[in-house]
Amino acid sequence: MTQPENRAGSVDPPGIVQPGPAVAGKATTTVRRRPRRRTVVLGIVAVIVIALVGGLAWFFSPQPLLPEATAALASSPGATFSEEATGLTYTPTAGPASTGLILYPGAKVPAEGYAPTARAVAERGFLVVVVPMPLNFAIFDVGAADEVIAAHPEIERWAIGGHSLGGAMAAQYAADHATVIAGLALCGAYSAADLSTGTLAASSVYGSLDAAAAKIEDPATTALMPAATAYERIEGGNHEQCGWYTGQPNDPPATISREEQQGRLVAAWVAMLAAIPAP
């Protein structure tokens, strides 16, 4: 039997047949491999990581400040401004203050967002310190007031307060330091801790359009507050006008000016501070 010859004219070994030439007019079929499972998994993980990083970046990005906020980082005829290690500090110029107010900012809001409010309260005769928070979340440093109190031994009476999450954390601090804190100042906030016993002076200010208004007014919530709490419901006010920033998510537009809401907020807090009895 004759063996097939290769192209050089030699005979191929038995059992090996050279492939024949492609048949004219017939398309060559290309077989594609499916992506390997590991590549697919890595791709999914990469997408999830990118989404998480992007979500966290948005979540921890601070709320934009209004020009009035940065403008208030300065002294006025009624209050001296200083940026201390413990926070933005406003000292009344009329004379030594005996009552101090520590403010915790709302979630994602830099301390500067409450500078105009703090200065306005200080101009009425009270030391006010706005405490910057890690990543702008008061939940990460509920005990920040400790350092403020230690830095000002001249203050005889202390109140603590804040906006939104900052107010809730301030209320928790007040509950945990009943022998130190004599007053509580809230705006668009409520307490999850039971403050119904004791003699804590308290002021709760909120706008009628604030999404938290229903929770603040809920009997289960008010039952946790001191019995003598002074409530100030501002018709047409909203959540972000408790400070001087913008971009508050899911916050209806206010129907009154920020200046009007702030004026009533400051008046309510000053009345509470003035009512704290001497030790």
Protein backbone atom coordinates (compact mmCIF):
# COMPACT_ATOMS: atom_id res chain seq x y z
CA MET A 1 0.00 0.00 0.00
CA THR A 2 1.36 3.40 -0.93
CA GLN A 3 1.87 5.93 1.92
CA PRO A 4 0.69 9.56 1.46
CA GLU A 5 3.47 11.93 0.50
CA ASN A 6 4.17 15.24 2.19
CA ARG A 7 4.78 18.51 0.34
CA ALA A 8 8.50 17.74 0.02
CA GLY A 9 7.68 14.53 -1.71
CA SER A 10 8.60 12.36 1.25
CA VAL A 11 6.35 9.76 2.69
CA ASP A 12 4.67 10.52 6.02
CA PRO A 13 4.94 8.04 8.84
CA PRO A 14 2.07 5.59 9.10
CA GLY A 15 -1.01 6.87 10.87
CA ILE A 16 -0.30 10.60 10.29
CA VAL A 17 -2.33 12.41 7.66
CA GLN A 18 -1.55 16.00 6.66
CA PRO A 19 -4.54 18.35 6.75
CA GLY A 20 -5.85 19.11 3.31
CA PRO A 21 -6.22 22.59 1.89
CA ALA A 22 -9.30 24.63 2.70
CA VAL A 23 -12.13 24.07 0.30
CA ALA A 24 -12.80 27.13 -1.81
CA GLY A 25 -16.09 28.92 -1.07
CA LYS A 26 -16.50 27.53 2.43
CA ALA A 27 -16.12 29.92 5.42
CA THR A 28 -13.71 28.97 8.12
CA THR A 29 -15.49 28.64 11.50
CA THR A 30 -13.81 30.34 14.49
CA VAL A 31 -14.59 28.83 17.87
CA ARG A 32 -14.69 31.42 20.69
CA ARG A 33 -14.08 30.37 24.24
CA ARG A 34 -16.43 31.52 26.95
CA PRO A 35 -14.96 33.95 29.51
CA ARG A 36 -13.42 32.10 32.35
CA ARG A 37 -15.41 32.08 35.60
CA ARG A 38 -12.60 33.76 37.50
CA THR A 39 -12.60 36.70 35.06
CA VAL A 40 -16.36 37.14 35.45
CA VAL A 41 -16.14 37.07 39.25
CA LEU A 42 -13.31 39.60 39.29
CA GLY A 43 -15.34 41.87 37.04
CA ILE A 44 -18.34 41.71 39.36
CA VAL A 45 -16.16 42.40 42.40
CA ALA A 46 -14.60 45.40 40.65
CA VAL A 47 -18.04 46.85 39.88
CA ILE A 48 -19.17 46.38 43.49
CA VAL A 49 -16.00 48.00 44.86
CA ILE A 50 -16.35 50.99 42.54
CA ALA A 51 -20.00 51.40 43.55
CA LEU A 52 -19.15 51.20 47.25
CA VAL A 53 -16.30 53.69 46.96
CA GLY A 54 -18.49 56.08 45.01
CA GLY A 55 -21.33 55.69 47.51
CA LEU A 56 -19.07 56.28 50.49
CA ALA A 57 -17.50 59.30 48.81
CA TRP A 58 -20.97 60.82 48.35
CA PHE A 59 -22.11 59.83 51.84
CA PHE A 60 -19.16 61.48 53.58
CA SER A 61 -18.91 64.53 51.33
CA PRO A 62 -19.78 67.64 53.39
CA GLN A 63 -22.79 69.81 52.70
CA PRO A 64 -21.91 73.06 50.86
CA LEU A 65 -21.65 76.11 53.13
CA LEU A 66 -23.36 79.42 52.47
CA PRO A 67 -21.25 82.60 52.32
CA GLU A 68 -22.69 83.75 55.64
CA ALA A 69 -21.10 80.74 57.35
CA THR A 70 -17.52 81.57 56.45
CA ALA A 71 -18.13 85.29 56.94
CA ALA A 72 -19.04 84.60 60.59
CA LEU A 73 -15.61 83.11 61.29
CA ALA A 74 -14.60 86.48 62.65
CA SER A 75 -15.12 88.67 65.68
CA SER A 76 -17.97 91.14 65.95
CA PRO A 77 -18.54 94.04 68.35
CA GLY A 78 -20.43 91.66 70.64
CA ALA A 79 -18.35 88.49 70.41
CA THR A 80 -14.71 87.52 69.96
CA PHE A 81 -13.96 84.61 67.64
CA SER A 82 -11.08 82.16 68.06
CA GLU A 83 -10.41 78.79 66.52
CA GLU A 84 -9.31 76.60 69.39
CA ALA A 85 -8.26 72.96 69.53
CA THR A 86 -11.69 72.16 70.97
CA GLY A 87 -13.69 73.99 68.32
CA LEU A 88 -14.94 77.29 66.93
CA THR A 89 -15.16 79.49 70.02
CA TYR A 90 -17.19 82.66 70.52
CA THR A 91 -16.69 84.69 73.68
CA PRO A 92 -18.97 87.61 74.59
CA THR A 93 -17.20 90.97 74.78
CA ALA A 94 -19.59 92.48 77.34
CA GLY A 95 -17.97 90.62 80.21
CA PRO A 96 -16.94 87.19 81.51
CA ALA A 97 -19.53 84.51 80.70
CA SER A 98 -20.68 82.14 83.43
CA THR A 99 -22.85 79.96 81.15
CA GLY A 100 -21.56 78.07 78.12
CA LEU A 101 -23.18 76.26 75.21
CA ILE A 102 -21.52 73.40 73.32
CA LEU A 103 -22.94 72.71 69.84
CA TYR A 104 -22.71 69.47 67.85
CA PRO A 105 -23.21 69.90 64.06
CA GLY A 106 -25.73 67.94 62.03
CA ALA A 107 -24.69 64.99 59.87
CA LYS A 108 -22.40 65.91 56.96
CA VAL A 109 -22.39 69.58 57.98
CA PRO A 110 -19.03 71.19 58.85
CA ALA A 111 -18.86 73.09 62.14
CA GLU A 112 -18.61 76.34 60.16
CA GLY A 113 -22.22 75.83 59.07
CA TYR A 114 -23.32 76.99 62.55
CA ALA A 115 -20.92 79.89 62.97
CA PRO A 116 -23.51 82.67 62.48
CA THR A 117 -25.85 81.01 65.01
CA ALA A 118 -23.08 80.55 67.56
CA ARG A 119 -21.89 84.14 67.22
CA ALA A 120 -25.44 85.48 67.59
CA VAL A 121 -25.92 83.52 70.84
CA ALA A 122 -22.52 84.63 72.15
CA GLU A 123 -23.40 88.26 71.50
CA ARG A 124 -26.17 87.81 74.08
CA GLY A 125 -23.63 87.01 76.79
CA PHE A 126 -22.83 83.28 76.55
CA LEU A 127 -19.70 81.35 75.65
CA VAL A 128 -20.43 79.16 72.59
CA VAL A 129 -18.20 76.42 71.16
CA VAL A 130 -19.08 74.58 67.93
CA VAL A 131 -17.26 71.24 67.88
CA PRO A 132 -15.95 69.84 64.56
CA MET A 133 -16.70 66.14 64.23
CA PRO A 134 -14.76 63.29 62.58
CA LEU A 135 -16.06 62.97 59.00
CA ASN A 136 -18.73 65.50 60.04
CA PHE A 137 -20.71 62.89 61.99
CA ALA A 138 -21.25 63.53 65.72
CA ILE A 139 -21.86 59.83 66.29
CA PHE A 140 -18.09 59.31 65.95
CA ASP A 141 -17.25 61.53 68.95
CA VAL A 142 -20.19 61.83 71.31
CA GLY A 143 -17.83 62.67 74.17
CA ALA A 144 -16.23 65.67 72.44
CA ALA A 145 -17.80 67.98 75.03
CA ASP A 146 -15.43 66.62 77.66
CA GLU A 147 -12.48 68.54 76.21
CA VAL A 148 -14.50 71.74 75.83
CA ILE A 149 -15.56 71.66 79.46
CA ALA A 150 -12.02 70.94 80.63
CA ALA A 151 -10.69 73.87 78.58
CA HIS A 152 -13.05 76.39 80.20
CA PRO A 153 -12.97 76.06 84.00
CA GLU A 154 -14.36 79.60 84.28
CA ILE A 155 -17.80 78.43 83.11
CA GLU A 156 -20.15 77.63 86.00
CA ARG A 157 -23.13 76.26 84.03
CA TRP A 158 -23.02 74.17 80.87
CA ALA A 159 -25.61 73.48 78.22
CA ILE A 160 -25.17 71.26 75.19
CA GLY A 161 -27.12 71.09 71.97
CA GLY A 162 -27.08 70.61 68.27
CA HIS A 163 -28.87 70.09 65.01
CA SER A 164 -30.32 66.84 63.66
CA LEU A 165 -27.90 63.96 64.42
CA GLY A 166 -25.76 66.40 66.38
CA GLY A 167 -28.74 67.22 68.58
CA ALA A 168 -29.47 63.54 69.19
CA MET A 169 -25.86 62.94 70.23
CA ALA A 170 -25.91 66.04 72.43
CA ALA A 171 -29.01 64.69 74.16
CA GLN A 172 -27.21 61.40 74.74
CA TYR A 173 -24.26 63.25 76.26
CA ALA A 174 -26.64 65.18 78.52
CA ALA A 175 -28.22 61.92 79.69
CA ASP A 176 -24.80 60.46 80.48
CA HIS A 177 -23.57 63.61 82.29
CA ALA A 178 -26.57 64.73 84.29
CA THR A 179 -24.42 66.26 87.01
CA VAL A 180 -22.49 68.39 84.51
CA ILE A 181 -25.02 69.48 81.89
CA ALA A 182 -27.79 71.83 82.97
CA GLY A 183 -29.37 72.72 79.63
CA LEU A 184 -30.21 71.21 76.23
CA ALA A 185 -30.66 73.16 72.98
CA LEU A 186 -32.08 71.29 69.98
CA CYS A 187 -32.98 72.28 66.43
CA GLY A 188 -34.63 69.76 64.12
CA ALA A 189 -33.66 67.03 66.56
CA TYR A 190 -35.03 64.81 69.30
CA SER A 191 -33.69 62.63 72.08
CA ALA A 192 -33.56 58.86 72.03
CA ALA A 193 -32.36 58.89 75.64
CA ASP A 194 -34.75 59.35 78.56
CA LEU A 195 -34.37 62.89 79.91
CA SER A 196 -37.77 63.07 81.56
CA THR A 197 -36.41 63.09 85.10
CA GLY A 198 -34.23 65.74 86.69
CA THR A 199 -34.16 69.51 86.28
CA LEU A 200 -32.58 69.85 82.83
CA ALA A 201 -33.64 73.05 81.06
CA ALA A 202 -34.43 72.33 77.40
CA SER A 203 -35.38 74.13 74.20
CA SER A 204 -36.62 72.23 71.14
CA VAL A 205 -36.89 74.30 67.96
CA TYR A 206 -38.07 72.90 64.62
CA GLY A 207 -39.70 73.98 61.38
CA SER A 208 -43.20 72.88 60.43
CA LEU A 209 -41.85 71.64 57.07
CA ASP A 210 -39.03 69.63 58.66
CA ALA A 211 -39.35 65.93 57.83
CA ALA A 212 -38.58 65.22 61.48
CA ALA A 213 -41.46 67.39 62.76
CA ALA A 214 -43.86 64.47 63.17
CA LYS A 215 -41.27 62.52 65.16
CA ILE A 216 -40.43 65.52 67.34
CA GLU A 217 -44.14 66.03 68.12
CA ASP A 218 -44.86 62.35 68.70
CA PRO A 219 -46.06 61.77 72.30
CA ALA A 220 -43.59 58.89 72.62
CA THR A 221 -40.78 61.32 71.80
CA THR A 222 -41.93 64.19 73.98
CA ALA A 223 -42.27 61.74 76.89
CA LEU A 224 -38.48 61.35 76.83
CA MET A 225 -37.86 65.10 77.07
CA PRO A 226 -37.77 67.14 80.31
CA ALA A 227 -41.24 68.12 81.45
CA ALA A 228 -40.42 71.83 81.24
CA THR A 229 -39.11 71.69 77.65
CA ALA A 230 -39.95 74.84 75.69
CA TYR A 231 -41.06 73.92 72.17
CA GLU A 232 -40.78 76.41 69.31
CA ARG A 233 -42.59 75.25 66.15
CA ILE A 234 -41.68 77.63 63.35
CA GLU A 235 -44.34 77.74 60.65
CA GLY A 236 -42.76 77.60 57.21
CA GLY A 237 -39.35 76.60 58.54
CA ASN A 238 -37.48 73.53 57.34
CA HIS A 239 -34.50 71.38 58.37
CA GLU A 240 -31.46 73.00 56.73
CA GLN A 241 -32.36 76.49 57.95
CA CYS A 242 -31.24 75.37 61.41
CA GLY A 243 -27.79 76.16 59.98
CA TRP A 244 -26.07 78.06 57.20
CA TYR A 245 -25.51 75.42 54.53
CA THR A 246 -27.41 74.08 51.56
CA GLY A 247 -28.21 70.87 49.72
CA GLN A 248 -30.13 69.08 52.49
CA PRO A 249 -31.63 65.94 50.88
CA ASN A 250 -35.42 65.46 50.99
CA ASP A 251 -35.97 68.84 52.67
CA PRO A 252 -38.97 70.85 51.43
CA PRO A 253 -38.18 74.49 50.56
CA ALA A 254 -38.90 76.82 53.47
CA THR A 255 -41.60 79.44 53.04
CA ILE A 256 -39.90 81.86 55.42
CA SER A 257 -36.42 83.33 55.19
CA ARG A 258 -33.42 81.76 56.84
CA GLU A 259 -32.87 85.00 58.75
CA GLU A 260 -36.36 84.79 60.26
CA GLN A 261 -36.00 81.14 61.26
CA GLN A 262 -32.55 81.78 62.69
CA GLY A 263 -33.80 84.78 64.64
CA ARG A 264 -36.44 82.68 66.36
CA LEU A 265 -33.96 79.85 66.95
CA VAL A 266 -31.44 82.14 68.62
CA ALA A 267 -34.13 83.78 70.76
CA ALA A 268 -35.39 80.38 71.97
CA TRP A 269 -31.92 79.11 72.84
CA VAL A 270 -30.96 82.34 74.61
CA ALA A 271 -34.15 82.18 76.71
CA MET A 272 -33.27 78.62 77.76
CA LEU A 273 -29.68 79.55 78.64
CA ALA A 274 -30.83 82.55 80.67
CA ALA A 275 -33.25 80.35 82.62
CA ILE A 276 -30.60 77.93 83.86
CA PRO A 277 -30.33 78.56 87.61
CA ALA A 278 -27.07 79.39 89.29
CA PRO A 279 -25.29 76.38 90.82
